[in-house]
């Protein structure tokens, strides 16, 4: 696939790559082949350039993944809540938007995990969350920690969700049902229908509700 073209080079000069379109091509390759198969060489082939040309834009693959994570955040940042929403509803909406943005890309959560983008999409999302909480009366420190709690929960959940739904992944609920027998694990066996369920939205909403209920119980406490 080659959805990105290089700019026309001058005589004796190498083709110049467009950074934005290079990242877009990397995201297309991610969707087609998955994270494991996304190599700098494959990306270079897709854009019709030498691998060395990519390293002038991205010093390492981690740099590329960070830029991809920043681009993936655009839909989450664009999702806004009506002004009359409560902070609970606004926060829940942003968590759902983050999950949706990660799920929109194959291995999206794996790409995002461990990166630290500082672009307008990522910072804009963080700003929207912190502003909701500070606006509701939470102290700056609590707002920051709530931001991390929400993003960590959403990212961790989506990592597990995408791994479980990967057709090439190791997840097999049948193995768990066979191992968690009523004789050895009587209480776990009673909960197995939910434990082995693939209703990840229900699982996410339950955890999100716990998080927001906990924040509500803590309550806005200005410093």
Foldseek 3Di string as FASTA:
>chain_A
DAPAEFDDDDVPDFTAGDVVVLLVLLQVCCQVPNDVPRDLCVSCVNHVHDSVNVCVVPVDVLSSLLVNLLVLLQQLLPDADDPPDQLLVRLVSSLVSVLVSQVVGQCSLVSNPPHDHDDCSVVSSLVRQLCSQVVQQAASVVSVVLSVVSVVLSSVLSNVLSQCPPPPHDDDLVVVQVVCDCVVPVVVNVVSVVVSDSPSVVVSVVVSVVSSVVDVVVPHDYD
